[in-house]
Amino acid sequence: MPTRWIKVLLWLFVIDLGIAFGAGLYEHRIVFPRWLSVATDGGVHWNADAVRLDNSGLRFWAYATTGPLTVLTLANLWAAWRHAHGWLRLWWVGASAVSLAERVLTLAYFVPTMIGLMNAPDTVESVATASRWSEMNYVRHSLTLAAWLLALQAFAVAHRAVTTPPDAT
């Protein structure tokens, strides 16, 4: 990799993907069950008040992923395509492409759906929409994890290229 700022882009990409994956799992396993809960009678209920109270979209996701990870994904895709070669390019473009797919899915489906659910009453339709959102979240987590692992591999290849002498095999 030719310049320090390109290395910084990959560093930031790896870090933000790790944050997105960990925070996504936390929200899915810890926070979301307060939004879509099972009552003692076995009925499932949507609690839009809890969603609005948490407001994780504006309190966290906007600063961690919506803007930053989207920009980092596009910048890393460009940097990988223009400045990387060989295995580094393969892993880095792969990570960026998977992250781009996750970003498109997030911005096209997850964000608009949750915005709609924030003011939705506790109805069968809301419960169905929230359940589908939760199930689709496994796809998003899988894409984020795949992008993170690919980016970590790109980082390892980049690091080896820097630390391995040119005549070493």
N, C-alpha and C. Protein backbone atom coordinates (compact mmCIF):
# COMPACT_ATOMS: atom_id res chain seq x y z
N MET A 1 0.85 -1.18 0.00
CA MET A 1 0.00 0.00 0.00
C MET A 1 0.89 1.24 0.00
N PRO A 2 0.59 2.17 -0.86
CA PRO A 2 1.52 3.26 -1.06
C PRO A 2 1.54 4.33 0.03
N THR A 3 0.45 4.69 0.61
CA THR A 3 0.47 5.82 1.54
C THR A 3 -0.14 5.46 2.88
N ARG A 4 0.25 6.24 3.86
CA ARG A 4 -0.22 6.02 5.23
C ARG A 4 -1.74 6.20 5.36
N TRP A 5 -2.31 7.17 4.64
CA TRP A 5 -3.76 7.41 4.79
C TRP A 5 -4.57 6.24 4.28
N ILE A 6 -4.04 5.50 3.31
CA ILE A 6 -4.76 4.33 2.82
C ILE A 6 -4.75 3.23 3.89
N LYS A 7 -3.63 3.11 4.60
CA LYS A 7 -3.57 2.16 5.71
C LYS A 7 -4.56 2.56 6.81
N VAL A 8 -4.66 3.84 7.05
CA VAL A 8 -5.60 4.33 8.07
C VAL A 8 -7.04 3.99 7.67
N LEU A 9 -7.35 4.11 6.39
CA LEU A 9 -8.69 3.75 5.91
C LEU A 9 -9.02 2.30 6.26
N LEU A 10 -8.07 1.39 6.01
CA LEU A 10 -8.31 -0.01 6.32
C LEU A 10 -8.44 -0.22 7.82
N TRP A 11 -7.60 0.44 8.60
CA TRP A 11 -7.70 0.37 10.06
C TRP A 11 -9.09 0.78 10.52
N LEU A 12 -9.54 1.94 10.08
CA LEU A 12 -10.84 2.46 10.50
C LEU A 12 -11.97 1.54 10.06
N PHE A 13 -11.85 0.97 8.88
CA PHE A 13 -12.84 0.04 8.35
C PHE A 13 -12.95 -1.19 9.26
N VAL A 14 -11.82 -1.77 9.61
CA VAL A 14 -11.81 -2.95 10.49
C VAL A 14 -12.43 -2.60 11.84
N ILE A 15 -12.05 -1.47 12.39
CA ILE A 15 -12.57 -1.08 13.72
C ILE A 15 -14.07 -0.84 13.66
N ASP A 16 -14.54 -0.11 12.66
CA ASP A 16 -15.98 0.21 12.59
C ASP A 16 -16.81 -1.03 12.30
N LEU A 17 -16.30 -1.94 11.47
CA LEU A 17 -17.03 -3.18 11.25
C LEU A 17 -17.14 -3.99 12.55
N GLY A 18 -16.09 -4.01 13.34
CA GLY A 18 -16.14 -4.71 14.63
C GLY A 18 -17.15 -4.09 15.58
N ILE A 19 -17.18 -2.77 15.61
CA ILE A 19 -18.16 -2.07 16.44
C ILE A 19 -19.57 -2.38 15.95
N ALA A 20 -19.78 -2.32 14.64
CA ALA A 20 -21.11 -2.58 14.07
C ALA A 20 -21.57 -4.00 14.38
N PHE A 21 -20.67 -4.97 14.27
CA PHE A 21 -21.05 -6.35 14.55
C PHE A 21 -21.40 -6.54 16.01
N GLY A 22 -20.53 -6.09 16.90
CA GLY A 22 -20.79 -6.24 18.34
C GLY A 22 -22.03 -5.50 18.80
N ALA A 23 -22.19 -4.28 18.35
CA ALA A 23 -23.36 -3.48 18.74
C ALA A 23 -24.63 -4.06 18.15
N GLY A 24 -24.54 -4.58 16.94
CA GLY A 24 -25.70 -5.20 16.32
C GLY A 24 -26.18 -6.42 17.09
N LEU A 25 -25.23 -7.25 17.50
CA LEU A 25 -25.59 -8.41 18.32
C LEU A 25 -26.19 -7.98 19.66
N TYR A 26 -25.58 -6.97 20.27
CA TYR A 26 -26.09 -6.47 21.55
C TYR A 26 -27.53 -5.99 21.40
N GLU A 27 -27.78 -5.17 20.40
CA GLU A 27 -29.13 -4.65 20.21
C GLU A 27 -30.12 -5.78 19.94
N HIS A 28 -29.71 -6.74 19.11
CA HIS A 28 -30.59 -7.84 18.75
C HIS A 28 -30.93 -8.72 19.95
N ARG A 29 -29.94 -9.02 20.78
CA ARG A 29 -30.14 -9.97 21.88
C ARG A 29 -30.60 -9.30 23.18
N ILE A 30 -30.22 -8.06 23.42
CA ILE A 30 -30.51 -7.41 24.70
C ILE A 30 -31.61 -6.36 24.57
N VAL A 31 -31.53 -5.51 23.59
CA VAL A 31 -32.45 -4.37 23.47
C VAL A 31 -33.75 -4.76 22.76
N PHE A 32 -33.65 -5.43 21.63
CA PHE A 32 -34.83 -5.75 20.83
C PHE A 32 -35.91 -6.52 21.59
N PRO A 33 -35.56 -7.45 22.49
CA PRO A 33 -36.63 -8.15 23.22
C PRO A 33 -37.52 -7.23 24.07
N ARG A 34 -37.06 -6.02 24.38
CA ARG A 34 -37.93 -5.06 25.08
C ARG A 34 -38.90 -4.42 24.11
N TRP A 35 -38.52 -4.39 22.83
CA TRP A 35 -39.37 -3.78 21.81
C TRP A 35 -40.46 -4.75 21.35
N LEU A 36 -40.08 -6.00 21.18
CA LEU A 36 -41.02 -7.04 20.75
C LEU A 36 -40.99 -8.10 21.85
N SER A 37 -42.00 -8.05 22.70
CA SER A 37 -41.97 -8.89 23.90
C SER A 37 -43.10 -9.92 23.89
N VAL A 38 -42.85 -10.97 24.65
CA VAL A 38 -43.85 -12.03 24.81
C VAL A 38 -44.49 -11.85 26.19
N ALA A 39 -45.81 -11.71 26.19
CA ALA A 39 -46.55 -11.52 27.45
C ALA A 39 -46.70 -12.86 28.16
N THR A 40 -47.13 -12.79 29.40
CA THR A 40 -47.32 -14.02 30.19
C THR A 40 -48.38 -14.93 29.58
N ASP A 41 -49.31 -14.34 28.83
CA ASP A 41 -50.35 -15.16 28.18
C ASP A 41 -49.86 -15.78 26.86
N GLY A 42 -48.62 -15.50 26.49
CA GLY A 42 -48.06 -16.05 25.26
C GLY A 42 -48.21 -15.14 24.06
N GLY A 43 -48.93 -14.05 24.20
CA GLY A 43 -49.09 -13.11 23.09
C GLY A 43 -47.84 -12.28 22.89
N VAL A 44 -47.58 -11.92 21.66
CA VAL A 44 -46.43 -11.10 21.31
C VAL A 44 -46.91 -9.67 21.10
N HIS A 45 -46.16 -8.71 21.66
CA HIS A 45 -46.57 -7.30 21.60
C HIS A 45 -45.43 -6.42 21.13
N TRP A 46 -45.80 -5.41 20.33
CA TRP A 46 -44.86 -4.41 19.85
C TRP A 46 -44.94 -3.19 20.76
N ASN A 47 -43.79 -2.74 21.26
CA ASN A 47 -43.74 -1.62 22.19
C ASN A 47 -42.99 -0.45 21.54
N ALA A 48 -43.69 0.35 20.77
CA ALA A 48 -43.07 1.48 20.08
C ALA A 48 -42.56 2.53 21.07
N ASP A 49 -43.18 2.62 22.26
CA ASP A 49 -42.71 3.57 23.27
C ASP A 49 -41.27 3.24 23.68
N ALA A 50 -40.97 1.95 23.84
CA ALA A 50 -39.61 1.53 24.21
C ALA A 50 -38.62 1.84 23.09
N VAL A 51 -39.05 1.68 21.86
CA VAL A 51 -38.18 1.99 20.72
C VAL A 51 -37.86 3.48 20.70
N ARG A 52 -38.89 4.30 20.88
CA ARG A 52 -38.68 5.75 20.89
C ARG A 52 -37.84 6.18 22.09
N LEU A 53 -38.04 5.54 23.22
CA LEU A 53 -37.25 5.86 24.41
C LEU A 53 -35.77 5.53 24.18
N ASP A 54 -35.49 4.35 23.63
CA ASP A 54 -34.11 3.97 23.35
C ASP A 54 -33.52 4.81 22.22
N ASN A 55 -34.30 4.99 21.15
CA ASN A 55 -33.89 5.77 19.98
C ASN A 55 -32.45 5.48 19.57
N SER A 56 -32.11 4.22 19.48
CA SER A 56 -30.74 3.82 19.17
C SER A 56 -30.29 4.28 17.78
N GLY A 57 -31.24 4.47 16.88
CA GLY A 57 -30.88 4.95 15.55
C GLY A 57 -30.19 6.30 15.59
N LEU A 58 -30.74 7.23 16.35
CA LEU A 58 -30.15 8.56 16.45
C LEU A 58 -29.12 8.67 17.57
N ARG A 59 -29.25 7.87 18.59
CA ARG A 59 -28.31 7.94 19.71
C ARG A 59 -27.01 7.19 19.46
N PHE A 60 -27.05 6.17 18.59
CA PHE A 60 -25.85 5.38 18.36
C PHE A 60 -25.57 5.13 16.89
N TRP A 61 -26.52 4.48 16.19
CA TRP A 61 -26.25 4.00 14.84
C TRP A 61 -25.85 5.10 13.87
N ALA A 62 -26.44 6.26 13.97
CA ALA A 62 -26.10 7.36 13.05
C ALA A 62 -24.62 7.72 13.15
N TYR A 63 -24.06 7.63 14.36
CA TYR A 63 -22.67 8.02 14.59
C TYR A 63 -21.70 6.86 14.38
N ALA A 64 -22.16 5.64 14.52
CA ALA A 64 -21.27 4.49 14.41
C ALA A 64 -21.28 3.86 13.02
N THR A 65 -22.45 3.81 12.39
CA THR A 65 -22.51 3.09 11.12
C THR A 65 -23.20 3.84 10.00
N THR A 66 -24.35 4.40 10.23
CA THR A 66 -25.13 4.96 9.13
C THR A 66 -24.29 5.89 8.27
N GLY A 67 -23.68 6.85 8.87
CA GLY A 67 -22.78 7.74 8.11
C GLY A 67 -21.37 7.18 8.00
N PRO A 68 -20.70 6.97 9.13
CA PRO A 68 -19.29 6.58 9.08
C PRO A 68 -19.00 5.27 8.34
N LEU A 69 -19.74 4.21 8.63
CA LEU A 69 -19.44 2.94 7.97
C LEU A 69 -19.78 3.00 6.48
N THR A 70 -20.80 3.74 6.13
CA THR A 70 -21.14 3.88 4.71
C THR A 70 -20.01 4.60 3.98
N VAL A 71 -19.52 5.69 4.54
CA VAL A 71 -18.42 6.44 3.92
C VAL A 71 -17.15 5.58 3.91
N LEU A 72 -16.86 4.91 5.01
CA LEU A 72 -15.67 4.05 5.05
C LEU A 72 -15.76 2.90 4.05
N THR A 73 -16.93 2.35 3.88
CA THR A 73 -17.10 1.27 2.91
C THR A 73 -16.78 1.76 1.50
N LEU A 74 -17.34 2.89 1.13
CA LEU A 74 -17.09 3.44 -0.21
C LEU A 74 -15.62 3.84 -0.38
N ALA A 75 -15.05 4.46 0.64
CA ALA A 75 -13.63 4.86 0.57
C ALA A 75 -12.72 3.65 0.48
N ASN A 76 -13.03 2.60 1.22
CA ASN A 76 -12.20 1.40 1.19
C ASN A 76 -12.35 0.65 -0.13
N LEU A 77 -13.54 0.64 -0.68
CA LEU A 77 -13.73 0.02 -1.99
C LEU A 77 -12.87 0.74 -3.04
N TRP A 78 -12.90 2.05 -3.00
CA TRP A 78 -12.08 2.84 -3.92
C TRP A 78 -10.59 2.60 -3.68
N ALA A 79 -10.16 2.65 -2.43
CA ALA A 79 -8.73 2.46 -2.11
C ALA A 79 -8.25 1.07 -2.49
N ALA A 80 -9.06 0.07 -2.22
CA ALA A 80 -8.67 -1.30 -2.54
C ALA A 80 -8.57 -1.47 -4.06
N TRP A 81 -9.51 -0.92 -4.78
CA TRP A 81 -9.52 -1.08 -6.23
C TRP A 81 -8.36 -0.34 -6.88
N ARG A 82 -8.05 0.85 -6.36
CA ARG A 82 -7.03 1.69 -6.99
C ARG A 82 -5.61 1.46 -6.49
N HIS A 83 -5.46 1.05 -5.23
CA HIS A 83 -4.12 1.05 -4.64
C HIS A 83 -3.61 -0.31 -4.18
N ALA A 84 -4.46 -1.31 -4.17
CA ALA A 84 -4.02 -2.63 -3.69
C ALA A 84 -3.83 -3.57 -4.88
N HIS A 85 -3.02 -4.58 -4.65
CA HIS A 85 -2.73 -5.56 -5.69
C HIS A 85 -2.70 -6.95 -5.09
N GLY A 86 -2.85 -7.95 -5.92
CA GLY A 86 -2.71 -9.34 -5.49
C GLY A 86 -3.75 -9.74 -4.45
N TRP A 87 -3.30 -10.51 -3.46
CA TRP A 87 -4.19 -11.02 -2.42
C TRP A 87 -4.81 -9.91 -1.59
N LEU A 88 -4.02 -8.87 -1.35
CA LEU A 88 -4.56 -7.74 -0.58
C LEU A 88 -5.78 -7.16 -1.28
N ARG A 89 -5.67 -6.96 -2.56
CA ARG A 89 -6.79 -6.40 -3.32
C ARG A 89 -8.00 -7.33 -3.25
N LEU A 90 -7.77 -8.63 -3.42
CA LEU A 90 -8.86 -9.59 -3.39
C LEU A 90 -9.62 -9.54 -2.07
N TRP A 91 -8.89 -9.62 -0.95
CA TRP A 91 -9.54 -9.61 0.37
C TRP A 91 -10.21 -8.27 0.66
N TRP A 92 -9.53 -7.20 0.31
CA TRP A 92 -10.02 -5.87 0.62
C TRP A 92 -11.24 -5.49 -0.21
N VAL A 93 -11.21 -5.78 -1.51
CA VAL A 93 -12.38 -5.53 -2.35
C VAL A 93 -13.54 -6.42 -1.89
N GLY A 94 -13.23 -7.67 -1.54
CA GLY A 94 -14.27 -8.57 -1.02
C GLY A 94 -14.93 -8.02 0.22
N ALA A 95 -14.12 -7.55 1.16
CA ALA A 95 -14.67 -6.97 2.40
C ALA A 95 -15.53 -5.76 2.09
N SER A 96 -15.04 -4.91 1.22
CA SER A 96 -15.78 -3.70 0.87
C SER A 96 -17.07 -4.01 0.15
N ALA A 97 -17.03 -5.00 -0.75
CA ALA A 97 -18.23 -5.37 -1.50
C ALA A 97 -19.30 -5.97 -0.58
N VAL A 98 -18.88 -6.83 0.35
CA VAL A 98 -19.85 -7.42 1.29
C VAL A 98 -20.41 -6.33 2.20
N SER A 99 -19.55 -5.43 2.65
CA SER A 99 -20.03 -4.33 3.49
C SER A 99 -20.98 -3.43 2.70
N LEU A 100 -20.69 -3.21 1.43
CA LEU A 100 -21.58 -2.40 0.60
C LEU A 100 -22.96 -3.07 0.48
N ALA A 101 -22.98 -4.37 0.32
CA ALA A 101 -24.26 -5.09 0.27
C ALA A 101 -25.03 -4.91 1.59
N GLU A 102 -24.32 -4.98 2.70
CA GLU A 102 -24.95 -4.80 4.01
C GLU A 102 -25.46 -3.36 4.16
N ARG A 103 -24.70 -2.40 3.70
CA ARG A 103 -25.10 -0.99 3.78
C ARG A 103 -26.35 -0.74 2.95
N VAL A 104 -26.39 -1.28 1.74
CA VAL A 104 -27.57 -1.11 0.87
C VAL A 104 -28.79 -1.73 1.53
N LEU A 105 -28.65 -2.95 2.06
CA LEU A 105 -29.76 -3.62 2.74
C LEU A 105 -30.22 -2.80 3.95
N THR A 106 -29.28 -2.29 4.70
CA THR A 106 -29.61 -1.49 5.88
C THR A 106 -30.36 -0.23 5.51
N LEU A 107 -29.84 0.50 4.53
CA LEU A 107 -30.46 1.78 4.16
C LEU A 107 -31.75 1.61 3.37
N ALA A 108 -31.89 0.49 2.67
CA ALA A 108 -33.10 0.28 1.87
C ALA A 108 -34.22 -0.40 2.66
N TYR A 109 -33.86 -1.24 3.63
CA TYR A 109 -34.89 -1.99 4.36
C TYR A 109 -34.91 -1.69 5.86
N PHE A 110 -33.80 -1.87 6.54
CA PHE A 110 -33.80 -1.81 8.00
C PHE A 110 -34.13 -0.43 8.56
N VAL A 111 -33.50 0.59 8.04
CA VAL A 111 -33.75 1.94 8.56
C VAL A 111 -35.19 2.38 8.28
N PRO A 112 -35.68 2.30 7.04
CA PRO A 112 -37.07 2.74 6.81
C PRO A 112 -38.10 1.91 7.58
N THR A 113 -37.86 0.60 7.70
CA THR A 113 -38.81 -0.24 8.43
C THR A 113 -38.87 0.15 9.89
N MET A 114 -37.69 0.37 10.50
CA MET A 114 -37.69 0.74 11.92
C MET A 114 -38.28 2.13 12.12
N ILE A 115 -38.05 3.04 11.21
CA ILE A 115 -38.67 4.36 11.33
C ILE A 115 -40.19 4.22 11.33
N GLY A 116 -40.70 3.36 10.45
CA GLY A 116 -42.14 3.11 10.42
C GLY A 116 -42.65 2.46 11.70
N LEU A 117 -41.86 1.55 12.24
CA LEU A 117 -42.26 0.86 13.47
C LEU A 117 -42.22 1.75 14.70
N MET A 118 -41.44 2.81 14.66
CA MET A 118 -41.29 3.67 15.84
C MET A 118 -42.62 4.30 16.26
N ASN A 119 -43.51 4.47 15.33
CA ASN A 119 -44.82 5.06 15.65
C ASN A 119 -45.97 4.11 15.42
N ALA A 120 -45.64 2.84 15.24
CA ALA A 120 -46.68 1.85 14.95
C ALA A 120 -47.38 1.40 16.22
N PRO A 121 -48.68 1.22 16.17
CA PRO A 121 -49.40 0.71 17.33
C PRO A 121 -49.12 -0.79 17.51
N ASP A 122 -49.50 -1.30 18.64
CA ASP A 122 -49.33 -2.72 18.94
C ASP A 122 -50.43 -3.51 18.24
N THR A 123 -50.17 -3.86 16.98
CA THR A 123 -51.14 -4.62 16.18
C THR A 123 -50.48 -5.89 15.67
N VAL A 124 -51.29 -6.76 15.11
CA VAL A 124 -50.78 -7.98 14.51
C VAL A 124 -49.80 -7.64 13.38
N GLU A 125 -50.13 -6.61 12.61
CA GLU A 125 -49.26 -6.20 11.50
C GLU A 125 -47.91 -5.69 12.01
N SER A 126 -47.93 -4.89 13.07
CA SER A 126 -46.68 -4.38 13.64
C SER A 126 -45.82 -5.51 14.18
N VAL A 127 -46.45 -6.44 14.86
CA VAL A 127 -45.72 -7.59 15.39
C VAL A 127 -45.11 -8.39 14.25
N ALA A 128 -45.86 -8.59 13.18
CA ALA A 128 -45.35 -9.34 12.02
C ALA A 128 -44.18 -8.60 11.36
N THR A 129 -44.30 -7.30 11.22
CA THR A 129 -43.23 -6.50 10.61
C THR A 129 -41.99 -6.53 11.49
N ALA A 130 -42.17 -6.36 12.80
CA ALA A 130 -41.04 -6.38 13.72
C ALA A 130 -40.39 -7.76 13.76
N SER A 131 -41.18 -8.80 13.71
CA SER A 131 -40.63 -10.17 13.69
C SER A 131 -39.81 -10.40 12.43
N ARG A 132 -40.32 -9.96 11.29
CA ARG A 132 -39.59 -10.10 10.03
C ARG A 132 -38.30 -9.28 10.07
N TRP A 133 -38.36 -8.08 10.64
CA TRP A 133 -37.18 -7.23 10.79
C TRP A 133 -36.13 -7.95 11.62
N SER A 134 -36.58 -8.56 12.71
CA SER A 134 -35.66 -9.30 13.59
C SER A 134 -35.04 -10.50 12.88
N GLU A 135 -35.84 -11.22 12.13
CA GLU A 135 -35.32 -12.39 11.40
C GLU A 135 -34.34 -11.96 10.32
N MET A 136 -34.65 -10.89 9.62
CA MET A 136 -33.74 -10.37 8.59
C MET A 136 -32.44 -9.85 9.18
N ASN A 137 -32.50 -9.49 10.45
CA ASN A 137 -31.30 -9.01 11.13
C ASN A 137 -30.20 -10.06 11.14
N TYR A 138 -30.56 -11.35 11.12
CA TYR A 138 -29.54 -12.40 11.06
C TYR A 138 -28.76 -12.31 9.75
N VAL A 139 -29.43 -11.95 8.69
CA VAL A 139 -28.75 -11.76 7.40
C VAL A 139 -27.77 -10.60 7.52
N ARG A 140 -28.24 -9.51 8.11
CA ARG A 140 -27.37 -8.33 8.26
C ARG A 140 -26.19 -8.65 9.14
N HIS A 141 -26.40 -9.35 10.25
CA HIS A 141 -25.28 -9.73 11.12
C HIS A 141 -24.28 -10.61 10.37
N SER A 142 -24.79 -11.52 9.57
CA SER A 142 -23.92 -12.42 8.81
C SER A 142 -23.07 -11.63 7.80
N LEU A 143 -23.70 -10.68 7.13
CA LEU A 143 -22.95 -9.86 6.18
C LEU A 143 -21.89 -9.00 6.89
N THR A 144 -22.25 -8.43 8.03
CA THR A 144 -21.30 -7.62 8.78
C THR A 144 -20.14 -8.47 9.26
N LEU A 145 -20.43 -9.65 9.78
CA LEU A 145 -19.37 -10.55 10.23
C LEU A 145 -18.47 -10.95 9.07
N ALA A 146 -19.06 -11.31 7.94
CA ALA A 146 -18.26 -11.69 6.77
C ALA A 146 -17.37 -10.54 6.32
N ALA A 147 -17.92 -9.33 6.26
CA ALA A 147 -17.13 -8.17 5.85
C ALA A 147 -16.00 -7.92 6.85
N TRP A 148 -16.29 -8.06 8.13
CA TRP A 148 -15.28 -7.84 9.16
C TRP A 148 -14.15 -8.86 9.05
N LEU A 149 -14.49 -10.13 8.87
CA LEU A 149 -13.47 -11.17 8.74
C LEU A 149 -12.64 -10.98 7.48
N LEU A 150 -13.28 -10.61 6.38
CA LEU A 150 -12.55 -10.33 5.15
C LEU A 150 -11.63 -9.12 5.32
N ALA A 151 -12.11 -8.10 6.00
CA ALA A 151 -11.29 -6.91 6.24
C ALA A 151 -10.12 -7.24 7.17
N LEU A 152 -10.35 -8.08 8.16
CA LEU A 152 -9.25 -8.51 9.03
C LEU A 152 -8.20 -9.29 8.23
N GLN A 153 -8.65 -10.12 7.31
CA GLN A 153 -7.71 -10.86 6.47
C GLN A 153 -6.93 -9.89 5.57
N ALA A 154 -7.61 -8.90 5.01
CA ALA A 154 -6.92 -7.88 4.22
C ALA A 154 -5.89 -7.16 5.07
N PHE A 155 -6.26 -6.84 6.29
CA PHE A 155 -5.34 -6.17 7.20
C PHE A 155 -4.13 -7.05 7.48
N ALA A 156 -4.34 -8.35 7.68
CA ALA A 156 -3.24 -9.28 7.92
C ALA A 156 -2.32 -9.36 6.70
N VAL A 157 -2.90 -9.43 5.51
CA VAL A 157 -2.10 -9.48 4.29
C VAL A 157 -1.31 -8.19 4.12
N ALA A 158 -1.93 -7.06 4.39
CA ALA A 158 -1.24 -5.77 4.29
C ALA A 158 -0.10 -5.70 5.30
N HIS A 159 -0.34 -6.19 6.49
CA HIS A 159 0.69 -6.17 7.53
C HIS A 159 1.86 -7.07 7.14
N ARG A 160 1.56 -8.25 6.60
CA ARG A 160 2.62 -9.17 6.16
C ARG A 160 3.44 -8.53 5.06
N ALA A 161 2.78 -7.82 4.16
CA ALA A 161 3.50 -7.18 3.05
C ALA A 161 4.46 -6.12 3.56
N VAL A 162 4.11 -5.48 4.66
CA VAL A 162 4.95 -4.44 5.22
C VAL A 162 6.10 -5.04 6.02
N THR A 163 5.84 -6.12 6.74
CA THR A 163 6.85 -6.68 7.65
C THR A 163 7.72 -7.77 7.03
N THR A 164 7.33 -8.32 5.89
CA THR A 164 8.10 -9.36 5.25
C THR A 164 9.12 -8.74 4.31
N PRO A 165 10.40 -9.09 4.45
CA PRO A 165 11.41 -8.55 3.53
C PRO A 165 11.10 -8.99 2.10
N PRO A 166 11.45 -8.17 1.12
CA PRO A 166 11.13 -8.48 -0.28
C PRO A 166 11.70 -9.80 -0.78
N ASP A 167 12.85 -10.23 -0.27
CA ASP A 167 13.45 -11.47 -0.76
C ASP A 167 12.98 -12.72 -0.01
N ALA A 168 12.13 -12.54 1.01
CA ALA A 168 11.63 -13.68 1.77
C ALA A 168 10.52 -14.36 1.01
N THR A 169 10.38 -15.66 1.21
CA THR A 169 9.30 -16.40 0.54
C THR A 169 8.21 -16.78 1.47
